Amino acid sequence: RTFYDKVKDSISDLLKPLVPEAAIK
């Protein structure tokens, strides 16, 4: 659950170099 929460909390930073900001969620 700690791993899962870390991924969820980091998702914006992880995806920002890859997809448009509006599509991140």
mmCIF file of all heavy atoms, coordinates in Angstrom:
data_MODEL
# 
_entry.id   MODEL 
# 
loop_
_atom_site.group_PDB 
_atom_site.id 
_atom_site.type_symbol 
_atom_site.label_atom_id 
_atom_site.label_alt_id 
_atom_site.label_comp_id 
_atom_site.label_asym_id 
_atom_site.label_entity_id 
_atom_site.label_seq_id 
_atom_site.pdbx_PDB_ins_code 
_atom_site.Cartn_x 
_atom_site.Cartn_y 
_atom_site.Cartn_z 
_atom_site.occupancy 
_atom_site.B_iso_or_equiv 
_atom_site.pdbx_formal_charge 
_atom_site.auth_seq_id 
_atom_site.auth_comp_id 
_atom_site.auth_asym_id 
_atom_site.auth_atom_id 
_atom_site.pdbx_PDB_model_num 
ATOM 1   N N   . ARG A 1 1  ? 0.830  -1.205 0.000   1.00 0.00 ? 1  ARG A N   1 
ATOM 2   C CA  . ARG A 1 1  ? 0.000  0.000  0.000   1.00 0.00 ? 1  ARG A CA  1 
ATOM 3   C C   . ARG A 1 1  ? 0.868  1.260  0.000   1.00 0.00 ? 1  ARG A C   1 
ATOM 4   O O   . ARG A 1 1  ? 0.512  2.271  -0.602  1.00 0.00 ? 1  ARG A O   1 
ATOM 5   C CB  . ARG A 1 1  ? -0.936 -0.012 1.211   1.00 0.00 ? 1  ARG A CB  1 
ATOM 6   C CG  . ARG A 1 1  ? -1.954 -1.153 1.140   1.00 0.00 ? 1  ARG A CG  1 
ATOM 7   C CD  . ARG A 1 1  ? -2.877 -1.176 2.340   1.00 0.00 ? 1  ARG A CD  1 
ATOM 8   N NE  . ARG A 1 1  ? -3.787 -2.324 2.238   1.00 0.00 ? 1  ARG A NE  1 
ATOM 9   C CZ  . ARG A 1 1  ? -4.067 -3.157 3.230   1.00 0.00 ? 1  ARG A CZ  1 
ATOM 10  N NH1 . ARG A 1 1  ? -3.525 -2.953 4.423   1.00 0.00 ? 1  ARG A NH1 1 
ATOM 11  N NH2 . ARG A 1 1  ? -4.887 -4.168 3.053   1.00 0.00 ? 1  ARG A NH2 1 
ATOM 12  N N   . THR A 1 2  ? 2.012  1.188  0.666   1.00 0.00 ? 2  THR A N   1 
ATOM 13  C CA  . THR A 1 2  ? 2.949  2.315  0.651   1.00 0.00 ? 2  THR A CA  1 
ATOM 14  C C   . THR A 1 2  ? 3.487  2.523  -0.755  1.00 0.00 ? 2  THR A C   1 
ATOM 15  O O   . THR A 1 2  ? 3.594  3.667  -1.230  1.00 0.00 ? 2  THR A O   1 
ATOM 16  C CB  . THR A 1 2  ? 4.112  2.057  1.627   1.00 0.00 ? 2  THR A CB  1 
ATOM 17  O OG1 . THR A 1 2  ? 3.581  1.772  2.926   1.00 0.00 ? 2  THR A OG1 1 
ATOM 18  C CG2 . THR A 1 2  ? 5.036  3.265  1.701   1.00 0.00 ? 2  THR A CG2 1 
ATOM 19  N N   . PHE A 1 3  ? 3.834  1.419  -1.429  1.00 0.00 ? 3  PHE A N   1 
ATOM 20  C CA  . PHE A 1 3  ? 4.282  1.512  -2.823  1.00 0.00 ? 3  PHE A CA  1 
ATOM 21  C C   . PHE A 1 3  ? 3.187  2.116  -3.696  1.00 0.00 ? 3  PHE A C   1 
ATOM 22  O O   . PHE A 1 3  ? 3.447  3.038  -4.484  1.00 0.00 ? 3  PHE A O   1 
ATOM 23  C CB  . PHE A 1 3  ? 4.662  0.127  -3.346  1.00 0.00 ? 3  PHE A CB  1 
ATOM 24  C CG  . PHE A 1 3  ? 4.854  0.075  -4.847  1.00 0.00 ? 3  PHE A CG  1 
ATOM 25  C CD1 . PHE A 1 3  ? 6.063  0.452  -5.415  1.00 0.00 ? 3  PHE A CD1 1 
ATOM 26  C CD2 . PHE A 1 3  ? 3.810  -0.327 -5.679  1.00 0.00 ? 3  PHE A CD2 1 
ATOM 27  C CE1 . PHE A 1 3  ? 6.230  0.429  -6.799  1.00 0.00 ? 3  PHE A CE1 1 
ATOM 28  C CE2 . PHE A 1 3  ? 3.974  -0.348 -7.056  1.00 0.00 ? 3  PHE A CE2 1 
ATOM 29  C CZ  . PHE A 1 3  ? 5.190  0.037  -7.616  1.00 0.00 ? 3  PHE A CZ  1 
ATOM 30  N N   . TYR A 1 4  ? 1.973  1.620  -3.560  1.00 0.00 ? 4  TYR A N   1 
ATOM 31  C CA  . TYR A 1 4  ? 0.852  2.088  -4.377  1.00 0.00 ? 4  TYR A CA  1 
ATOM 32  C C   . TYR A 1 4  ? 0.633  3.591  -4.170  1.00 0.00 ? 4  TYR A C   1 
ATOM 33  O O   . TYR A 1 4  ? 0.464  4.339  -5.132  1.00 0.00 ? 4  TYR A O   1 
ATOM 34  C CB  . TYR A 1 4  ? -0.403 1.302  -4.011  1.00 0.00 ? 4  TYR A CB  1 
ATOM 35  C CG  . TYR A 1 4  ? -1.607 1.615  -4.874  1.00 0.00 ? 4  TYR A CG  1 
ATOM 36  C CD1 . TYR A 1 4  ? -1.940 0.816  -5.956  1.00 0.00 ? 4  TYR A CD1 1 
ATOM 37  C CD2 . TYR A 1 4  ? -2.417 2.718  -4.601  1.00 0.00 ? 4  TYR A CD2 1 
ATOM 38  C CE1 . TYR A 1 4  ? -3.051 1.103  -6.753  1.00 0.00 ? 4  TYR A CE1 1 
ATOM 39  C CE2 . TYR A 1 4  ? -3.515 3.026  -5.382  1.00 0.00 ? 4  TYR A CE2 1 
ATOM 40  C CZ  . TYR A 1 4  ? -3.826 2.204  -6.455  1.00 0.00 ? 4  TYR A CZ  1 
ATOM 41  O OH  . TYR A 1 4  ? -4.917 2.505  -7.243  1.00 0.00 ? 4  TYR A OH  1 
ATOM 42  N N   . ASP A 1 5  ? 0.658  4.009  -2.913  1.00 0.00 ? 5  ASP A N   1 
ATOM 43  C CA  . ASP A 1 5  ? 0.437  5.424  -2.609  1.00 0.00 ? 5  ASP A CA  1 
ATOM 44  C C   . ASP A 1 5  ? 1.559  6.302  -3.173  1.00 0.00 ? 5  ASP A C   1 
ATOM 45  O O   . ASP A 1 5  ? 1.303  7.428  -3.634  1.00 0.00 ? 5  ASP A O   1 
ATOM 46  C CB  . ASP A 1 5  ? 0.334  5.634  -1.094  1.00 0.00 ? 5  ASP A CB  1 
ATOM 47  C CG  . ASP A 1 5  ? -0.937 5.023  -0.512  1.00 0.00 ? 5  ASP A CG  1 
ATOM 48  O OD1 . ASP A 1 5  ? -1.868 4.755  -1.285  1.00 0.00 ? 5  ASP A OD1 1 
ATOM 49  O OD2 . ASP A 1 5  ? -0.978 4.807  0.717   1.00 0.00 ? 5  ASP A OD2 1 
ATOM 50  N N   . LYS A 1 6  ? 2.786  5.785  -3.138  1.00 0.00 ? 6  LYS A N   1 
ATOM 51  C CA  . LYS A 1 6  ? 3.916  6.551  -3.692  1.00 0.00 ? 6  LYS A CA  1 
ATOM 52  C C   . LYS A 1 6  ? 3.751  6.726  -5.203  1.00 0.00 ? 6  LYS A C   1 
ATOM 53  O O   . LYS A 1 6  ? 4.016  7.812  -5.746  1.00 0.00 ? 6  LYS A O   1 
ATOM 54  C CB  . LYS A 1 6  ? 5.243  5.853  -3.372  1.00 0.00 ? 6  LYS A CB  1 
ATOM 55  C CG  . LYS A 1 6  ? 6.469  6.668  -3.787  1.00 0.00 ? 6  LYS A CG  1 
ATOM 56  C CD  . LYS A 1 6  ? 7.740  6.036  -3.271  1.00 0.00 ? 6  LYS A CD  1 
ATOM 57  C CE  . LYS A 1 6  ? 8.980  6.821  -3.700  1.00 0.00 ? 6  LYS A CE  1 
ATOM 58  N NZ  . LYS A 1 6  ? 9.018  8.172  -3.161  1.00 0.00 ? 6  LYS A NZ  1 
ATOM 59  N N   . VAL A 1 7  ? 3.311  5.677  -5.892  1.00 0.00 ? 7  VAL A N   1 
ATOM 60  C CA  . VAL A 1 7  ? 3.072  5.774  -7.328  1.00 0.00 ? 7  VAL A CA  1 
ATOM 61  C C   . VAL A 1 7  ? 1.980  6.811  -7.605  1.00 0.00 ? 7  VAL A C   1 
ATOM 62  O O   . VAL A 1 7  ? 2.136  7.681  -8.466  1.00 0.00 ? 7  VAL A O   1 
ATOM 63  C CB  . VAL A 1 7  ? 2.668  4.413  -7.931  1.00 0.00 ? 7  VAL A CB  1 
ATOM 64  C CG1 . VAL A 1 7  ? 2.275  4.561  -9.406  1.00 0.00 ? 7  VAL A CG1 1 
ATOM 65  C CG2 . VAL A 1 7  ? 3.807  3.409  -7.787  1.00 0.00 ? 7  VAL A CG2 1 
ATOM 66  N N   . LYS A 1 8  ? 0.885  6.725  -6.847  1.00 0.00 ? 8  LYS A N   1 
ATOM 67  C CA  . LYS A 1 8  ? -0.239 7.634  -7.055  1.00 0.00 ? 8  LYS A CA  1 
ATOM 68  C C   . LYS A 1 8  ? 0.170  9.084  -6.801  1.00 0.00 ? 8  LYS A C   1 
ATOM 69  O O   . LYS A 1 8  ? -0.192 9.998  -7.561  1.00 0.00 ? 8  LYS A O   1 
ATOM 70  C CB  . LYS A 1 8  ? -1.400 7.244  -6.143  1.00 0.00 ? 8  LYS A CB  1 
ATOM 71  C CG  . LYS A 1 8  ? -2.718 7.916  -6.495  1.00 0.00 ? 8  LYS A CG  1 
ATOM 72  C CD  . LYS A 1 8  ? -3.874 7.300  -5.718  1.00 0.00 ? 8  LYS A CD  1 
ATOM 73  C CE  . LYS A 1 8  ? -5.201 7.919  -6.145  1.00 0.00 ? 8  LYS A CE  1 
ATOM 74  N NZ  . LYS A 1 8  ? -6.342 7.314  -5.409  1.00 0.00 ? 8  LYS A NZ  1 
ATOM 75  N N   . ASP A 1 9  ? 0.959  9.305  -5.749  1.00 0.00 ? 9  ASP A N   1 
ATOM 76  C CA  . ASP A 1 9  ? 1.396  10.659 -5.408  1.00 0.00 ? 9  ASP A CA  1 
ATOM 77  C C   . ASP A 1 9  ? 2.401  11.208 -6.425  1.00 0.00 ? 9  ASP A C   1 
ATOM 78  O O   . ASP A 1 9  ? 2.531  12.425 -6.577  1.00 0.00 ? 9  ASP A O   1 
ATOM 79  C CB  . ASP A 1 9  ? 2.026  10.687 -4.017  1.00 0.00 ? 9  ASP A CB  1 
ATOM 80  C CG  . ASP A 1 9  ? 1.014  10.418 -2.909  1.00 0.00 ? 9  ASP A CG  1 
ATOM 81  O OD1 . ASP A 1 9  ? -0.198 10.535 -3.176  1.00 0.00 ? 9  ASP A OD1 1 
ATOM 82  O OD2 . ASP A 1 9  ? 1.438  10.064 -1.791  1.00 0.00 ? 9  ASP A OD2 1 
ATOM 83  N N   . SER A 1 10 ? 3.114  10.304 -7.101  1.00 0.00 ? 10 SER A N   1 
ATOM 84  C CA  . SER A 1 10 ? 4.173  10.716 -8.033  1.00 0.00 ? 10 SER A CA  1 
ATOM 85  C C   . SER A 1 10 ? 3.698  10.736 -9.482  1.00 0.00 ? 10 SER A C   1 
ATOM 86  O O   . SER A 1 10 ? 4.494  11.062 -10.374 1.00 0.00 ? 10 SER A O   1 
ATOM 87  C CB  . SER A 1 10 ? 5.369  9.758  -7.919  1.00 0.00 ? 10 SER A CB  1 
ATOM 88  O OG  . SER A 1 10 ? 5.822  9.642  -6.596  1.00 0.00 ? 10 SER A OG  1 
ATOM 89  N N   . ILE A 1 11 ? 2.435  10.383 -9.730  1.00 0.00 ? 11 ILE A N   1 
ATOM 90  C CA  . ILE A 1 11 ? 1.989  10.133 -11.100 1.00 0.00 ? 11 ILE A CA  1 
ATOM 91  C C   . ILE A 1 11 ? 2.160  11.350 -12.007 1.00 0.00 ? 11 ILE A C   1 
ATOM 92  O O   . ILE A 1 11 ? 2.527  11.226 -13.175 1.00 0.00 ? 11 ILE A O   1 
ATOM 93  C CB  . ILE A 1 11 ? 0.524  9.622  -11.111 1.00 0.00 ? 11 ILE A CB  1 
ATOM 94  C CG1 . ILE A 1 11 ? 0.271  8.810  -12.383 1.00 0.00 ? 11 ILE A CG1 1 
ATOM 95  C CG2 . ILE A 1 11 ? -0.473 10.739 -10.954 1.00 0.00 ? 11 ILE A CG2 1 
ATOM 96  C CD1 . ILE A 1 11 ? 0.942  7.476  -12.405 1.00 0.00 ? 11 ILE A CD1 1 
ATOM 97  N N   . SER A 1 12 ? 1.926  12.538 -11.464 1.00 0.00 ? 12 SER A N   1 
ATOM 98  C CA  . SER A 1 12 ? 2.061  13.748 -12.271 1.00 0.00 ? 12 SER A CA  1 
ATOM 99  C C   . SER A 1 12 ? 3.505  13.951 -12.710 1.00 0.00 ? 12 SER A C   1 
ATOM 100 O O   . SER A 1 12 ? 3.780  14.230 -13.882 1.00 0.00 ? 12 SER A O   1 
ATOM 101 C CB  . SER A 1 12 ? 1.559  14.967 -11.489 1.00 0.00 ? 12 SER A CB  1 
ATOM 102 O OG  . SER A 1 12 ? 1.654  16.129 -12.277 1.00 0.00 ? 12 SER A OG  1 
ATOM 103 N N   . ASP A 1 13 ? 4.438  13.790 -11.782 1.00 0.00 ? 13 ASP A N   1 
ATOM 104 C CA  . ASP A 1 13 ? 5.857  13.951 -12.108 1.00 0.00 ? 13 ASP A CA  1 
ATOM 105 C C   . ASP A 1 13 ? 6.329  12.872 -13.071 1.00 0.00 ? 13 ASP A C   1 
ATOM 106 O O   . ASP A 1 13 ? 7.153  13.134 -13.957 1.00 0.00 ? 13 ASP A O   1 
ATOM 107 C CB  . ASP A 1 13 ? 6.703  13.907 -10.832 1.00 0.00 ? 13 ASP A CB  1 
ATOM 108 C CG  . ASP A 1 13 ? 6.483  15.125 -9.944  1.00 0.00 ? 13 ASP A CG  1 
ATOM 109 O OD1 . ASP A 1 13 ? 6.078  16.173 -10.486 1.00 0.00 ? 13 ASP A OD1 1 
ATOM 110 O OD2 . ASP A 1 13 ? 6.702  15.023 -8.732  1.00 0.00 ? 13 ASP A OD2 1 
ATOM 111 N N   . LEU A 1 14 ? 5.806  11.659 -12.895 1.00 0.00 ? 14 LEU A N   1 
ATOM 112 C CA  . LEU A 1 14 ? 6.211  10.552 -13.767 1.00 0.00 ? 14 LEU A CA  1 
ATOM 113 C C   . LEU A 1 14 ? 5.765  10.773 -15.212 1.00 0.00 ? 14 LEU A C   1 
ATOM 114 O O   . LEU A 1 14 ? 6.513  10.492 -16.153 1.00 0.00 ? 14 LEU A O   1 
ATOM 115 C CB  . LEU A 1 14 ? 5.629  9.233  -13.246 1.00 0.00 ? 14 LEU A CB  1 
ATOM 116 C CG  . LEU A 1 14 ? 6.204  8.673  -11.942 1.00 0.00 ? 14 LEU A CG  1 
ATOM 117 C CD1 . LEU A 1 14 ? 5.343  7.524  -11.441 1.00 0.00 ? 14 LEU A CD1 1 
ATOM 118 C CD2 . LEU A 1 14 ? 7.646  8.206  -12.152 1.00 0.00 ? 14 LEU A CD2 1 
ATOM 119 N N   . LEU A 1 15 ? 4.545  11.275 -15.386 1.00 0.00 ? 15 LEU A N   1 
ATOM 120 C CA  . LEU A 1 15 ? 3.956  11.363 -16.720 1.00 0.00 ? 15 LEU A CA  1 
ATOM 121 C C   . LEU A 1 15 ? 4.168  12.700 -17.415 1.00 0.00 ? 15 LEU A C   1 
ATOM 122 O O   . LEU A 1 15 ? 3.965  12.811 -18.630 1.00 0.00 ? 15 LEU A O   1 
ATOM 123 C CB  . LEU A 1 15 ? 2.456  11.055 -16.643 1.00 0.00 ? 15 LEU A CB  1 
ATOM 124 C CG  . LEU A 1 15 ? 2.075  9.630  -16.231 1.00 0.00 ? 15 LEU A CG  1 
ATOM 125 C CD1 . LEU A 1 15 ? 0.567  9.468  -16.239 1.00 0.00 ? 15 LEU A CD1 1 
ATOM 126 C CD2 . LEU A 1 15 ? 2.731  8.599  -17.146 1.00 0.00 ? 15 LEU A CD2 1 
ATOM 127 N N   . LYS A 1 16 ? 4.577  13.713 -16.666 1.00 0.00 ? 16 LYS A N   1 
ATOM 128 C CA  . LYS A 1 16 ? 4.703  15.062 -17.251 1.00 0.00 ? 16 LYS A CA  1 
ATOM 129 C C   . LYS A 1 16 ? 5.626  15.093 -18.473 1.00 0.00 ? 16 LYS A C   1 
ATOM 130 O O   . LYS A 1 16 ? 5.334  15.796 -19.449 1.00 0.00 ? 16 LYS A O   1 
ATOM 131 C CB  . LYS A 1 16 ? 5.177  16.042 -16.182 1.00 0.00 ? 16 LYS A CB  1 
ATOM 132 C CG  . LYS A 1 16 ? 4.950  17.506 -16.542 1.00 0.00 ? 16 LYS A CG  1 
ATOM 133 C CD  . LYS A 1 16 ? 5.250  18.414 -15.344 1.00 0.00 ? 16 LYS A CD  1 
ATOM 134 C CE  . LYS A 1 16 ? 4.224  18.240 -14.244 1.00 0.00 ? 16 LYS A CE  1 
ATOM 135 N NZ  . LYS A 1 16 ? 4.448  19.165 -13.096 1.00 0.00 ? 16 LYS A NZ  1 
ATOM 136 N N   . PRO A 1 17 ? 6.747  14.342 -18.479 1.00 0.00 ? 17 PRO A N   1 
ATOM 137 C CA  . PRO A 1 17 ? 7.612  14.378 -19.664 1.00 0.00 ? 17 PRO A CA  1 
ATOM 138 C C   . PRO A 1 17 ? 7.033  13.631 -20.868 1.00 0.00 ? 17 PRO A C   1 
ATOM 139 O O   . PRO A 1 17 ? 7.607  13.676 -21.952 1.00 0.00 ? 17 PRO A O   1 
ATOM 140 C CB  . PRO A 1 17 ? 8.899  13.676 -19.185 1.00 0.00 ? 17 PRO A CB  1 
ATOM 141 C CG  . PRO A 1 17 ? 8.807  13.622 -17.698 1.00 0.00 ? 17 PRO A CG  1 
ATOM 142 C CD  . PRO A 1 17 ? 7.346  13.554 -17.386 1.00 0.00 ? 17 PRO A CD  1 
ATOM 143 N N   . LEU A 1 18 ? 5.899  12.948 -20.659 1.00 0.00 ? 18 LEU A N   1 
ATOM 144 C CA  . LEU A 1 18 ? 5.400  12.024 -21.676 1.00 0.00 ? 18 LEU A CA  1 
ATOM 145 C C   . LEU A 1 18 ? 4.080  12.438 -22.313 1.00 0.00 ? 18 LEU A C   1 
ATOM 146 O O   . LEU A 1 18 ? 3.892  12.293 -23.525 1.00 0.00 ? 18 LEU A O   1 
ATOM 147 C CB  . LEU A 1 18 ? 5.241  10.635 -21.039 1.00 0.00 ? 18 LEU A CB  1 
ATOM 148 C CG  . LEU A 1 18 ? 5.209  9.406  -21.952 1.00 0.00 ? 18 LEU A CG  1 
ATOM 149 C CD1 . LEU A 1 18 ? 6.525  9.271  -22.712 1.00 0.00 ? 18 LEU A CD1 1 
ATOM 150 C CD2 . LEU A 1 18 ? 4.952  8.154  -21.128 1.00 0.00 ? 18 LEU A CD2 1 
ATOM 151 N N   . VAL A 1 19 ? 3.156  12.965 -21.509 1.00 0.00 ? 19 VAL A N   1 
ATOM 152 C CA  . VAL A 1 19 ? 1.814  13.253 -22.018 1.00 0.00 ? 19 VAL A CA  1 
ATOM 153 C C   . VAL A 1 19 ? 1.407  14.689 -21.699 1.00 0.00 ? 19 VAL A C   1 
ATOM 154 O O   . VAL A 1 19 ? 1.962  15.315 -20.779 1.00 0.00 ? 19 VAL A O   1 
ATOM 155 C CB  . VAL A 1 19 ? 0.771  12.275 -21.420 1.00 0.00 ? 19 VAL A CB  1 
ATOM 156 C CG1 . VAL A 1 19 ? 1.120  10.837 -21.722 1.00 0.00 ? 19 VAL A CG1 1 
ATOM 157 C CG2 . VAL A 1 19 ? 0.634  12.473 -19.916 1.00 0.00 ? 19 VAL A CG2 1 
ATOM 158 N N   . PRO A 1 20 ? 0.433  15.243 -22.434 1.00 0.00 ? 20 PRO A N   1 
ATOM 159 C CA  . PRO A 1 20 ? -0.065 16.592 -22.116 1.00 0.00 ? 20 PRO A CA  1 
ATOM 160 C C   . PRO A 1 20 ? -0.573 16.651 -20.679 1.00 0.00 ? 20 PRO A C   1 
ATOM 161 O O   . PRO A 1 20 ? -1.168 15.687 -20.184 1.00 0.00 ? 20 PRO A O   1 
ATOM 162 C CB  . PRO A 1 20 ? -1.211 16.780 -23.116 1.00 0.00 ? 20 PRO A CB  1 
ATOM 163 C CG  . PRO A 1 20 ? -0.945 15.819 -24.213 1.00 0.00 ? 20 PRO A CG  1 
ATOM 164 C CD  . PRO A 1 20 ? -0.255 14.649 -23.591 1.00 0.00 ? 20 PRO A CD  1 
ATOM 165 N N   . GLU A 1 21 ? -0.337 17.758 -20.025 1.00 0.00 ? 21 GLU A N   1 
ATOM 166 C CA  . GLU A 1 21 ? -0.712 17.883 -18.611 1.00 0.00 ? 21 GLU A CA  1 
ATOM 167 C C   . GLU A 1 21 ? -2.206 17.628 -18.400 1.00 0.00 ? 21 GLU A C   1 
ATOM 168 O O   . GLU A 1 21 ? -2.609 17.026 -17.405 1.00 0.00 ? 21 GLU A O   1 
ATOM 169 C CB  . GLU A 1 21 ? -0.331 19.262 -18.090 1.00 0.00 ? 21 GLU A CB  1 
ATOM 170 C CG  . GLU A 1 21 ? -0.528 19.402 -16.593 1.00 0.00 ? 21 GLU A CG  1 
ATOM 171 C CD  . GLU A 1 21 ? 0.107  20.661 -16.020 1.00 0.00 ? 21 GLU A CD  1 
ATOM 172 O OE1 . GLU A 1 21 ? 0.781  21.376 -16.770 1.00 0.00 ? 21 GLU A OE1 1 
ATOM 173 O OE2 . GLU A 1 21 ? -0.076 20.913 -14.820 1.00 0.00 ? 21 GLU A OE2 1 
ATOM 174 N N   . ALA A 1 22 ? -3.023 18.055 -19.357 1.00 0.00 ? 22 ALA A N   1 
ATOM 175 C CA  . ALA A 1 22 ? -4.475 17.888 -19.214 1.00 0.00 ? 22 ALA A CA  1 
ATOM 176 C C   . ALA A 1 22 ? -4.883 16.424 -19.229 1.00 0.00 ? 22 ALA A C   1 
ATOM 177 O O   . ALA A 1 22 ? -5.950 16.055 -18.729 1.00 0.00 ? 22 ALA A O   1 
ATOM 178 C CB  . ALA A 1 22 ? -5.195 18.635 -20.343 1.00 0.00 ? 22 ALA A CB  1 
ATOM 179 N N   . ALA A 1 23 ? -4.030 15.560 -19.797 1.00 0.00 ? 23 ALA A N   1 
ATOM 180 C CA  . ALA A 1 23 ? -4.369 14.135 -19.923 1.00 0.00 ? 23 ALA A CA  1 
ATOM 181 C C   . ALA A 1 23 ? -3.815 13.288 -18.787 1.00 0.00 ? 23 ALA A C   1 
ATOM 182 O O   . ALA A 1 23 ? -4.109 12.087 -18.710 1.00 0.00 ? 23 ALA A O   1 
ATOM 183 C CB  . ALA A 1 23 ? -3.851 13.594 -21.258 1.00 0.00 ? 23 ALA A CB  1 
ATOM 184 N N   . ILE A 1 24 ? -3.032 13.886 -17.897 1.00 0.00 ? 24 ILE A N   1 
ATOM 185 C CA  . ILE A 1 24 ? -2.326 13.099 -16.878 1.00 0.00 ? 24 ILE A CA  1 
ATOM 186 C C   . ILE A 1 24 ? -3.282 12.333 -15.969 1.00 0.00 ? 24 ILE A C   1 
ATOM 187 O O   . ILE A 1 24 ? -3.070 11.149 -15.674 1.00 0.00 ? 24 ILE A O   1 
ATOM 188 C CB  . ILE A 1 24 ? -1.381 14.003 -16.055 1.00 0.00 ? 24 ILE A CB  1 
ATOM 189 C CG1 . ILE A 1 24 ? -0.155 14.369 -16.902 1.00 0.00 ? 24 ILE A CG1 1 
ATOM 190 C CG2 . ILE A 1 24 ? -0.953 13.304 -14.760 1.00 0.00 ? 24 ILE A CG2 1 
ATOM 191 C CD1 . ILE A 1 24 ? 0.818  15.304 -16.206 1.00 0.00 ? 24 ILE A CD1 1 
ATOM 192 N N   . LYS A 1 25 ? -4.356 12.971 -15.513 1.00 0.00 ? 25 LYS A N   1 
ATOM 193 C CA  . LYS A 1 25 ? -5.275 12.276 -14.590 1.00 0.00 ? 25 LYS A CA  1 
ATOM 194 C C   . LYS A 1 25 ? -5.939 11.083 -15.269 1.00 0.00 ? 25 LYS A C   1 
ATOM 195 O O   . LYS A 1 25 ? -6.094 10.017 -14.656 1.00 0.00 ? 25 LYS A O   1 
ATOM 196 C CB  . LYS A 1 25 ? -6.326 13.249 -14.063 1.00 0.00 ? 25 LYS A CB  1 
ATOM 197 C CG  . LYS A 1 25 ? -5.796 14.212 -13.023 1.00 0.00 ? 25 LYS A CG  1 
ATOM 198 C CD  . LYS A 1 25 ? -6.909 15.036 -12.386 1.00 0.00 ? 25 LYS A CD  1 
ATOM 199 C CE  . LYS A 1 25 ? -6.359 15.939 -11.297 1.00 0.00 ? 25 LYS A CE  1 
ATOM 200 N NZ  . LYS A 1 25 ? -7.426 16.754 -10.655 1.00 0.00 ? 25 LYS A NZ  1 
# 
